[in-house]
C-alpha atoms as a PDB file:
ATOM      1  CA  MET A   1     -53.212   8.787  35.154  1.00  0.00           C
ATOM      2  CA  ARG A   2     -52.843   9.874  38.746  1.00  0.00           C
ATOM      3  CA  THR A   3     -50.822   7.575  41.019  1.00  0.00           C
ATOM      4  CA  SER A   4     -50.711   7.485  44.782  1.00  0.00           C
ATOM      5  CA  SER A   5     -47.689   8.849  46.532  1.00  0.00           C
ATOM      6  CA  PRO A   6     -45.552   6.120  48.108  1.00  0.00           C
ATOM      7  CA  TRP A   7     -45.644   7.991  51.356  1.00  0.00           C
ATOM      8  CA  VAL A   8     -49.421   7.845  51.362  1.00  0.00           C
ATOM      9  CA  VAL A   9     -49.372   4.145  50.549  1.00  0.00           C
ATOM     10  CA  LEU A  10     -46.847   3.330  53.260  1.00  0.00           C
ATOM     11  CA  GLY A  11     -48.836   5.349  55.741  1.00  0.00           C
ATOM     12  CA  HIS A  12     -52.033   3.591  54.758  1.00  0.00           C
ATOM     13  CA  ARG A  13     -50.406   0.188  55.042  1.00  0.00           C
ATOM     14  CA  ARG A  14     -48.995   0.987  58.459  1.00  0.00           C
ATOM     15  CA  SER A  15     -52.395   2.194  59.722  1.00  0.00           C
ATOM     16  CA  SER A  16     -54.212  -0.911  58.497  1.00  0.00           C
ATOM     17  CA  SER A  17     -51.604  -3.186  60.005  1.00  0.00           C
ATOM     18  CA  LEU A  18     -51.913  -1.591  63.405  1.00  0.00           C
ATOM     19  CA  ASN A  19     -55.680  -1.731  63.303  1.00  0.00           C
ATOM     20  CA  GLY A  20     -55.597  -5.412  62.445  1.00  0.00           C
ATOM     21  CA  LEU A  21     -53.229  -6.336  65.240  1.00  0.00           C
ATOM     22  CA  SER A  22     -55.306  -4.457  67.751  1.00  0.00           C
ATOM     23  CA  SER A  23     -58.320  -6.482  66.717  1.00  0.00           C
ATOM     24  CA  GLY A  24     -56.551  -9.617  67.929  1.00  0.00           C
ATOM     25  CA  ASN A  25     -57.387 -11.830  64.912  1.00  0.00           C
ATOM     26  CA  GLY A  26     -53.672 -12.775  64.384  1.00  0.00           C
ATOM     27  CA  ARG A  27     -53.795 -12.446  60.584  1.00  0.00           C
ATOM     28  CA  ARG A  28     -51.902 -10.013  58.387  1.00  0.00           C
ATOM     29  CA  PRO A  29     -54.292  -7.517  56.878  1.00  0.00           C
ATOM     30  CA  PRO A  30     -54.556  -7.462  53.051  1.00  0.00           C
ATOM     31  CA  LEU A  31     -52.458  -4.967  51.095  1.00  0.00           C
ATOM     32  CA  PRO A  32     -54.360  -1.940  49.884  1.00  0.00           C
ATOM     33  CA  PRO A  33     -55.194  -1.723  46.123  1.00  0.00           C
ATOM     34  CA  SER A  34     -53.136   1.449  45.759  1.00  0.00           C
ATOM     35  CA  TYR A  35     -49.939  -0.368  46.873  1.00  0.00           C
ATOM     36  CA  LEU A  36     -50.537  -3.274  44.494  1.00  0.00           C
ATOM     37  CA  ALA A  37     -51.078  -0.932  41.567  1.00  0.00           C
ATOM     38  CA  PHE A  38     -47.966   1.071  42.431  1.00  0.00           C
ATOM     39  CA  HIS A  39     -45.831  -2.068  42.816  1.00  0.00           C
ATOM     40  CA  GLN A  40     -46.992  -3.574  39.491  1.00  0.00           C
ATOM     41  CA  LEU A  41     -46.423  -0.322  37.644  1.00  0.00           C
ATOM     42  CA  PHE A  42     -42.794   0.095  38.692  1.00  0.00           C
ATOM     43  CA  SER A  43     -41.808  -3.570  38.662  1.00  0.00           C
ATOM     44  CA  SER A  44     -43.154  -4.073  35.157  1.00  0.00           C
ATOM     45  CA  SER A  45     -41.498  -0.850  34.008  1.00  0.00           C
ATOM     46  CA  ASN A  46     -38.064  -1.901  35.308  1.00  0.00           C
ATOM     47  CA  SER A  47     -38.444  -5.386  33.924  1.00  0.00           C
ATOM     48  CA  GLY A  48     -39.345  -4.001  30.514  1.00  0.00           C
ATOM     49  CA  GLU A  49     -36.315  -1.722  30.463  1.00  0.00           C
ATOM     50  CA  GLY A  50     -33.986  -4.624  31.229  1.00  0.00           C
ATOM     51  CA  GLU A  51     -35.552  -6.782  28.553  1.00  0.00           C
ATOM     52  CA  ASP A  52     -35.304  -3.947  26.017  1.00  0.00           C
ATOM     53  CA  GLU A  53     -31.616  -3.379  26.783  1.00  0.00           C
ATOM     54  CA  GLU A  54     -30.867  -7.078  26.509  1.00  0.00           C
ATOM     55  CA  ARG A  55     -32.825  -7.284  23.260  1.00  0.00           C
ATOM     56  CA  GLU A  56     -30.914  -4.286  21.854  1.00  0.00           C
ATOM     57  CA  GLU A  57     -27.564  -5.862  22.756  1.00  0.00           C
ATOM     58  CA  ASN A  58     -28.581  -9.104  21.095  1.00  0.00           C
ATOM     59  CA  ASP A  59     -29.759  -7.184  18.037  1.00  0.00           C
ATOM     60  CA  GLU A  60     -26.440  -5.322  17.814  1.00  0.00           C
ATOM     61  CA  ASP A  61     -24.446  -8.543  18.177  1.00  0.00           C
ATOM     62  CA  GLY A  62     -26.457 -10.333  15.584  1.00  0.00           C
ATOM     63  CA  SER A  63     -27.036  -7.490  13.141  1.00  0.00           C
ATOM     64  CA  LEU A  64     -23.642  -7.787  11.355  1.00  0.00           C
ATOM     65  CA  VAL A  65     -23.844 -11.557  11.099  1.00  0.00           C
ATOM     66  CA  ASP A  66     -27.408 -11.338   9.865  1.00  0.00           C
ATOM     67  CA  LYS A  67     -26.438  -8.760   7.249  1.00  0.00           C
ATOM     68  CA  VAL A  68     -23.558 -10.911   6.004  1.00  0.00           C
ATOM     69  CA  LYS A  69     -25.799 -13.966   5.818  1.00  0.00           C
ATOM     70  CA  ALA A  70     -28.469 -11.986   4.016  1.00  0.00           C
ATOM     71  CA  PHE A  71     -25.883 -10.607   1.571  1.00  0.00           C
ATOM     72  CA  PHE A  72     -24.488 -14.002   0.615  1.00  0.00           C
ATOM     73  CA  ALA A  73     -27.938 -15.519   0.456  1.00  0.00           C
ATOM     74  CA  ASP A  74     -28.389 -13.594  -2.794  1.00  0.00           C
ATOM     75  CA  ALA A  75     -26.921 -15.476  -5.757  1.00  0.00           C
ATOM     76  CA  GLU A  76     -26.022 -12.252  -7.579  1.00  0.00           C
ATOM     77  CA  ASN A  77     -24.060 -10.996  -4.585  1.00  0.00           C
ATOM     78  CA  ARG A  78     -22.147 -14.272  -4.349  1.00  0.00           C
ATOM     79  CA  LYS A  79     -21.286 -14.044  -8.026  1.00  0.00           C
ATOM     80  CA  ASP A  80     -20.060 -10.434  -7.730  1.00  0.00           C
ATOM     81  CA  THR A  81     -17.986 -11.242  -4.640  1.00  0.00           C
ATOM     82  CA  THR A  82     -16.347 -14.222  -6.319  1.00  0.00           C
ATOM     83  CA  LEU A  83     -15.547 -12.139  -9.397  1.00  0.00           C
ATOM     84  CA  PHE A  84     -14.010  -9.387  -7.256  1.00  0.00           C
ATOM     85  CA  ALA A  85     -11.896 -11.836  -5.233  1.00  0.00           C
ATOM     86  CA  VAL A  86     -10.579 -13.590  -8.335  1.00  0.00           C
ATOM     87  CA  SER A  87      -9.814 -10.285 -10.072  1.00  0.00           C
ATOM     88  CA  PHE A  88      -8.022  -8.969  -6.984  1.00  0.00           C
ATOM     89  CA  LEU A  89      -5.849 -12.070  -6.646  1.00  0.00           C
ATOM     90  CA  VAL A  90      -5.038 -12.088 -10.363  1.00  0.00           C
ATOM     91  CA  SER A  91      -4.019  -8.412 -10.236  1.00  0.00           C
ATOM     92  CA  LEU A  92      -1.742  -9.102  -7.267  1.00  0.00           C
ATOM     93  CA  GLY A  93      -0.158 -12.001  -9.133  1.00  0.00           C
ATOM     94  CA  ILE A  94       0.361  -9.904 -12.263  1.00  0.00           C
ATOM     95  CA  ARG A  95       1.972  -7.101 -10.254  1.00  0.00           C
ATOM     96  CA  ALA A  96       4.203  -9.469  -8.296  1.00  0.00           C
ATOM     97  CA  PHE A  97       5.439 -11.671 -11.158  1.00  0.00           C
ATOM     98  CA  ILE A  98       4.624 -10.170 -14.579  1.00  0.00           C
ATOM     99  CA  VAL A  99       4.345  -6.378 -14.799  1.00  0.00           C
ATOM    100  CA  GLU A 100       3.956  -3.428 -12.448  1.00  0.00           C
ATOM    101  CA  PRO A 101       3.495   0.345 -12.811  1.00  0.00           C
ATOM    102  CA  ARG A 102       6.205   2.839 -11.904  1.00  0.00           C
ATOM    103  CA  TYR A 103       6.476   6.615 -11.996  1.00  0.00           C
ATOM    104  CA  ILE A 104       9.472   8.886 -12.608  1.00  0.00           C
ATOM    105  CA  PRO A 105      10.378  11.155  -9.651  1.00  0.00           C
ATOM    106  CA  SER A 106      13.429  12.975 -11.090  1.00  0.00           C
ATOM    107  CA  LEU A 107      15.184  14.145 -14.257  1.00  0.00           C
ATOM    108  CA  SER A 108      18.094  11.679 -14.078  1.00  0.00           C
ATOM    109  CA  MET A 109      16.670   9.869 -17.146  1.00  0.00           C
ATOM    110  CA  TYR A 110      15.826  13.007 -19.137  1.00  0.00           C
ATOM    111  CA  PRO A 111      14.982  13.255 -22.039  1.00  0.00           C
ATOM    112  CA  THR A 112      13.764   9.626 -22.170  1.00  0.00           C
ATOM    113  CA  PHE A 113      11.554  10.215 -19.133  1.00  0.00           C
ATOM    114  CA  LEU A 114      10.098  13.367 -17.636  1.00  0.00           C
ATOM    115  CA  VAL A 115       9.096  13.878 -14.028  1.00  0.00           C
ATOM    116  CA  GLY A 116       5.652  12.340 -13.537  1.00  0.00           C
ATOM    117  CA  ASP A 117       5.847   9.896 -16.447  1.00  0.00           C
ATOM    118  CA  GLN A 118       4.294   6.537 -15.653  1.00  0.00           C
ATOM    119  CA  LEU A 119       5.615   3.354 -17.215  1.00  0.00           C
ATOM    120  CA  ALA A 120       5.129  -0.395 -17.251  1.00  0.00           C
ATOM    121  CA  VAL A 121       7.938  -2.591 -15.911  1.00  0.00           C
ATOM    122  CA  GLU A 122       7.914  -6.250 -16.963  1.00  0.00           C
ATOM    123  CA  LYS A 123       9.476  -8.897 -14.709  1.00  0.00           C
ATOM    124  CA  VAL A 124       9.464 -11.987 -16.940  1.00  0.00           C
ATOM    125  CA  THR A 125      12.595 -11.444 -19.063  1.00  0.00           C
ATOM    126  CA  LYS A 126      15.008 -11.821 -16.145  1.00  0.00           C
ATOM    127  CA  THR A 127      13.759 -15.364 -15.475  1.00  0.00           C
ATOM    128  CA  TYR A 128      15.050 -16.816 -18.756  1.00  0.00           C
ATOM    129  CA  LYS A 129      17.742 -14.490 -20.161  1.00  0.00           C
ATOM    130  CA  ASN A 130      20.179 -11.720 -19.301  1.00  0.00           C
ATOM    131  CA  TYR A 131      19.500  -8.080 -20.022  1.00  0.00           C
ATOM    132  CA  GLU A 132      21.257  -6.383 -22.913  1.00  0.00           C
ATOM    133  CA  ARG A 133      23.051  -3.083 -23.331  1.00  0.00           C
ATOM    134  CA  GLY A 134      20.526  -0.309 -23.802  1.00  0.00           C
ATOM    135  CA  ASP A 135      17.791  -1.883 -21.682  1.00  0.00           C
ATOM    136  CA  VAL A 136      16.252   0.467 -19.125  1.00  0.00           C
ATOM    137  CA  VAL A 137      15.846  -1.307 -15.795  1.00  0.00           C
ATOM    138  CA  VAL A 138      14.259  -0.614 -12.432  1.00  0.00           C
ATOM    139  CA  PHE A 139      16.247  -1.951  -9.491  1.00  0.00           C
ATOM    140  CA  ASN A 140      16.599  -1.916  -5.736  1.00  0.00           C
ATOM    141  CA  PRO A 141      19.392   0.400  -4.506  1.00  0.00           C
ATOM    142  CA  THR A 142      22.795  -1.160  -3.964  1.00  0.00           C
ATOM    143  CA  ARG A 143      24.801  -0.949  -0.768  1.00  0.00           C
ATOM    144  CA  GLY A 144      27.235   1.379  -2.527  1.00  0.00           C
ATOM    145  CA  TYR A 145      24.408   3.742  -3.432  1.00  0.00           C
ATOM    146  CA  GLN A 146      23.040   3.755   0.111  1.00  0.00           C
ATOM    147  CA  GLU A 147      26.445   4.397   1.635  1.00  0.00           C
ATOM    148  CA  TYR A 148      27.132   7.246  -0.777  1.00  0.00           C
ATOM    149  CA  VAL A 149      23.763   8.924  -0.129  1.00  0.00           C
ATOM    150  CA  SER A 150      24.048   8.552   3.641  1.00  0.00           C
ATOM    151  CA  GLN A 151      27.496  10.195   3.670  1.00  0.00           C
ATOM    152  CA  ASP A 152      26.974  12.941   1.073  1.00  0.00           C
ATOM    153  CA  PRO A 153      26.329  16.234   2.941  1.00  0.00           C
ATOM    154  CA  TYR A 154      24.746  17.794  -0.158  1.00  0.00           C
ATOM    155  CA  ILE A 155      21.952  15.204  -0.240  1.00  0.00           C
ATOM    156  CA  THR A 156      19.700  16.413   2.556  1.00  0.00           C
ATOM    157  CA  ASP A 157      16.726  14.125   1.940  1.00  0.00           C
ATOM    158  CA  LYS A 158      17.783  10.696   3.203  1.00  0.00           C
ATOM    159  CA  SER A 159      14.222   9.332   3.399  1.00  0.00           C
ATOM    160  CA  LYS A 160      14.313   7.810  -0.099  1.00  0.00           C
ATOM    161  CA  ILE A 161      17.498   5.838   0.412  1.00  0.00           C
ATOM    162  CA  ASN A 162      15.635   2.525   0.025  1.00  0.00           C
ATOM    163  CA  GLU A 163      13.435   3.481  -2.934  1.00  0.00           C
ATOM    164  CA  ALA A 164      13.852   1.765  -6.313  1.00  0.00           C
ATOM    165  CA  LEU A 165      15.925   3.474  -9.037  1.00  0.00           C
ATOM    166  CA  ILE A 166      15.740   3.499 -12.832  1.00  0.00           C
ATOM    167  CA  LYS A 167      18.790   3.643 -15.147  1.00  0.00           C
ATOM    168  CA  ARG A 168      19.989   2.339 -18.506  1.00  0.00           C
ATOM    169  CA  ILE A 169      22.332  -0.641 -18.810  1.00  0.00           C
ATOM    170  CA  ILE A 170      25.367   0.481 -20.798  1.00  0.00           C
ATOM    171  CA  ALA A 171      27.647  -2.505 -20.144  1.00  0.00           C
ATOM    172  CA  LYS A 172      27.370  -6.108 -18.943  1.00  0.00           C
ATOM    173  CA  GLU A 173      29.776  -8.544 -17.307  1.00  0.00           C
ATOM    174  CA  GLY A 174      33.147  -8.763 -19.059  1.00  0.00           C
ATOM    175  CA  ASP A 175      32.797  -5.409 -20.870  1.00  0.00           C
ATOM    176  CA  VAL A 176      35.540  -2.827 -20.481  1.00  0.00           C
ATOM    177  CA  VAL A 177      34.019   0.622 -19.988  1.00  0.00           C
ATOM    178  CA  GLU A 178      35.613   4.032 -20.376  1.00  0.00           C
ATOM    179  CA  VAL A 179      34.182   7.546 -20.481  1.00  0.00           C
ATOM    180  CA  LYS A 180      36.292  10.310 -22.026  1.00  0.00           C
ATOM    181  CA  ASP A 181      36.011  13.235 -24.438  1.00  0.00           C
ATOM    182  CA  GLY A 182      32.239  13.356 -23.968  1.00  0.00           C
ATOM    183  CA  LEU A 183      31.782   9.797 -25.270  1.00  0.00           C
ATOM    184  CA  LEU A 184      31.127   6.339 -23.858  1.00  0.00           C
ATOM    185  CA  TYR A 185      33.501   3.568 -24.949  1.00  0.00           C
ATOM    186  CA  ILE A 186      32.630  -0.112 -24.658  1.00  0.00           C
ATOM    187  CA  ASN A 187      35.516  -2.494 -25.315  1.00  0.00           C
ATOM    188  CA  GLY A 188      37.379   0.349 -27.028  1.00  0.00           C
ATOM    189  CA  ALA A 189      34.514   1.338 -29.372  1.00  0.00           C
ATOM    190  CA  ALA A 190      32.710   4.691 -29.065  1.00  0.00           C
ATOM    191  CA  GLN A 191      28.929   4.374 -28.669  1.00  0.00           C
ATOM    192  CA  ASP A 192      26.300   6.421 -30.496  1.00  0.00           C
ATOM    193  CA  GLU A 193      23.823   7.360 -27.773  1.00  0.00           C
ATOM    194  CA  LYS A 194      21.126   9.391 -29.489  1.00  0.00           C
ATOM    195  CA  TYR A 195      18.806   9.448 -26.471  1.00  0.00           C
ATOM    196  CA  ILE A 196      21.098  11.173 -23.925  1.00  0.00           C
ATOM    197  CA  ALA A 197      20.628  14.810 -22.935  1.00  0.00           C
ATOM    198  CA  GLU A 198      24.294  15.664 -23.511  1.00  0.00           C
ATOM    199  CA  GLY A 199      27.701  14.042 -23.576  1.00  0.00           C
ATOM    200  CA  PRO A 200      29.262  13.211 -20.209  1.00  0.00           C
ATOM    201  CA  ALA A 201      31.473  15.978 -18.831  1.00  0.00           C
ATOM    202  CA  TYR A 202      33.511  13.603 -16.675  1.00  0.00           C
ATOM    203  CA  VAL A 203      36.230  11.024 -17.191  1.00  0.00           C
ATOM    204  CA  TRP A 204      35.836   7.474 -15.873  1.00  0.00           C
ATOM    205  CA  GLY A 205      37.666   4.177 -16.329  1.00  0.00           C
ATOM    206  CA  PRO A 206      38.727   2.156 -18.115  1.00  0.00           C
ATOM    207  CA  SER A 207      37.274  -0.578 -15.894  1.00  0.00           C
ATOM    208  CA  ARG A 208      36.008  -4.105 -16.470  1.00  0.00           C
ATOM    209  CA  VAL A 209      32.472  -5.031 -15.352  1.00  0.00           C
ATOM    210  CA  PRO A 210      32.717  -7.934 -12.860  1.00  0.00           C
ATOM    211  CA  ASP A 211      30.810 -11.202 -13.315  1.00  0.00           C
ATOM    212  CA  GLY A 212      27.187 -11.024 -12.237  1.00  0.00           C
ATOM    213  CA  MET A 213      27.170  -7.238 -12.553  1.00  0.00           C
ATOM    214  CA  TYR A 214      25.952  -4.488 -14.888  1.00  0.00           C
ATOM    215  CA  MET A 215      27.009  -0.879 -15.328  1.00  0.00           C
ATOM    216  CA  VAL A 216      24.061   1.522 -15.421  1.00  0.00           C
ATOM    217  CA  LEU A 217      23.970   5.237 -16.250  1.00  0.00           C
ATOM    218  CA  GLY A 218      21.223   7.831 -16.400  1.00  0.00           C
ATOM    219  CA  ASP A 219      20.403   9.353 -19.810  1.00  0.00           C
ATOM    220  CA  ASN A 220      20.893  12.777 -18.248  1.00  0.00           C
ATOM    221  CA  ARG A 221      24.583  11.906 -17.878  1.00  0.00           C
ATOM    222  CA  ASN A 222      25.777  14.978 -16.001  1.00  0.00           C
ATOM    223  CA  HIS A 223      22.854  14.993 -13.551  1.00  0.00           C
ATOM    224  CA  SER A 224      22.524  11.342 -12.586  1.00  0.00           C
ATOM    225  CA  LEU A 225      23.605   9.442  -9.489  1.00  0.00           C
ATOM    226  CA  ASP A 226      24.613   6.160 -11.145  1.00  0.00           C
ATOM    227  CA  SER A 227      27.342   3.526 -11.584  1.00  0.00           C
ATOM    228  CA  HIS A 228      30.090   6.018 -12.342  1.00  0.00           C
ATOM    229  CA  ILE A 229      29.620   7.242  -8.729  1.00  0.00           C
ATOM    230  CA  TRP A 230      28.467   4.304  -6.578  1.00  0.00           C
ATOM    231  CA  GLY A 231      29.694   1.298  -8.566  1.00  0.00           C
ATOM    232  CA  PHE A 232      28.290  -1.671 -10.471  1.00  0.00           C
ATOM    233  CA  LEU A 233      24.780  -3.105 -10.201  1.00  0.00           C
ATOM    234  CA  PRO A 234      24.311  -6.759  -9.103  1.00  0.00           C
ATOM    235  CA  LYS A 235      21.918  -8.773 -11.268  1.00  0.00           C
ATOM    236  CA  GLU A 236      19.833  -9.814  -8.276  1.00  0.00           C
ATOM    237  CA  ASN A 237      18.938  -6.195  -7.516  1.00  0.00           C
ATOM    238  CA  ILE A 238      17.024  -5.779 -10.762  1.00  0.00           C
ATOM    239  CA  ILE A 239      13.232  -5.694 -10.421  1.00  0.00           C
ATOM    240  CA  GLY A 240      12.385  -5.551 -14.109  1.00  0.00           C
ATOM    241  CA  LYS A 241      12.716  -3.861 -17.481  1.00  0.00           C
ATOM    242  CA  ALA A 242      10.853  -0.705 -18.507  1.00  0.00           C
ATOM    243  CA  ILE A 243       8.956  -1.467 -21.706  1.00  0.00           C
ATOM    244  CA  CYS A 244       6.605   1.459 -22.357  1.00  0.00           C
ATOM    245  CA  LYS A 245       5.322   4.814 -21.161  1.00  0.00           C
ATOM    246  CA  TYR A 246       1.552   4.941 -20.759  1.00  0.00           C
ATOM    247  CA  TRP A 247       0.861   8.216 -18.928  1.00  0.00           C
ATOM    248  CA  PRO A 248       0.290  11.013 -19.674  1.00  0.00           C
ATOM    249  CA  PRO A 249      -1.421   9.952 -22.933  1.00  0.00           C
ATOM    250  CA  TRP A 250       0.643  12.266 -25.140  1.00  0.00           C
ATOM    251  CA  ARG A 251       3.785  10.549 -23.838  1.00  0.00           C
ATOM    252  CA  LEU A 252       2.574   7.081 -24.802  1.00  0.00           C
ATOM    253  CA  GLY A 253       5.265   4.978 -26.477  1.00  0.00           C
ATOM    254  CA  LEU A 254       7.930   2.297 -26.175  1.00  0.00           C
ATOM    255  CA  VAL A 255      11.140   2.941 -24.249  1.00  0.00           C
ATOM    256  CA  GLU A 256      14.019   3.852 -26.566  1.00  0.00           C
ATOM    257  CA  GLY A 257      17.060   1.570 -26.957  1.00  0.00           C
ATOM    258  CA  PRO A 258      19.430  -0.082 -27.496  1.00  0.00           C
ATOM    259  CA  PHE A 259      22.243   2.239 -28.537  1.00  0.00           C
ATOM    260  CA  GLN A 260      24.450   1.648 -31.585  1.00  0.00           C
ATOM    261  CA  GLN A 261      28.146   1.875 -32.233  1.00  0.00           C
ATOM    262  CA  ALA A 262      29.255   5.269 -33.499  1.00  0.00           C
ATOM    263  CA  SER A 263      30.459   5.433 -37.108  1.00  0.00           C
END
């Protein structure tokens, strides 16, 4: 479609206006058809663009709400969402209060655990009874542990100072503990620890475990940062008890313990 140039239109309008005034009739001459067509074309075009932009903004604002409404309007979707929400909340509750997964990052508990082993830690036992000798527990680091790690120049990685630890309880409150001649003595009796990597090559004690405390050692006795270095473990630091290994599959099994008195 060919449209008139605005300059032509304005010129035409000006010419007609002058001619009319010179005629002396006192009335404004009518606008030419070309001007009316030009004005309608551009005014309607601009108006349409504004309406389209406004409509697009409204569509964008309402699209998410409309999709959510449409989703929940379907009974099957509501059922699936409810099932997911309930399952998610139940899993959080189980992890927080009943059992949680843990993995082994070091060889301090070798040969009971290898690096990368994954295990289940139950949290119910501590609510109704005390732990026993031989139980393997996961616990939050003590202040003594954190102070030792922060001051030891040979431990260069300080980033894991607040991470949970795993050790074996070898004595509880009131027990007298001594380590000598490659053996562990509890209340004067040597213990038969069949699950340790090797006998301890250090001497420690004798010392009595204070009330509300445990003594914990790693099964890899000579390569474990444990109670014989940083002190006793408060009961309240314990997260839970390791009950089984579940990954990798060929390592599946219960956690060994408790130890027996040597003959």
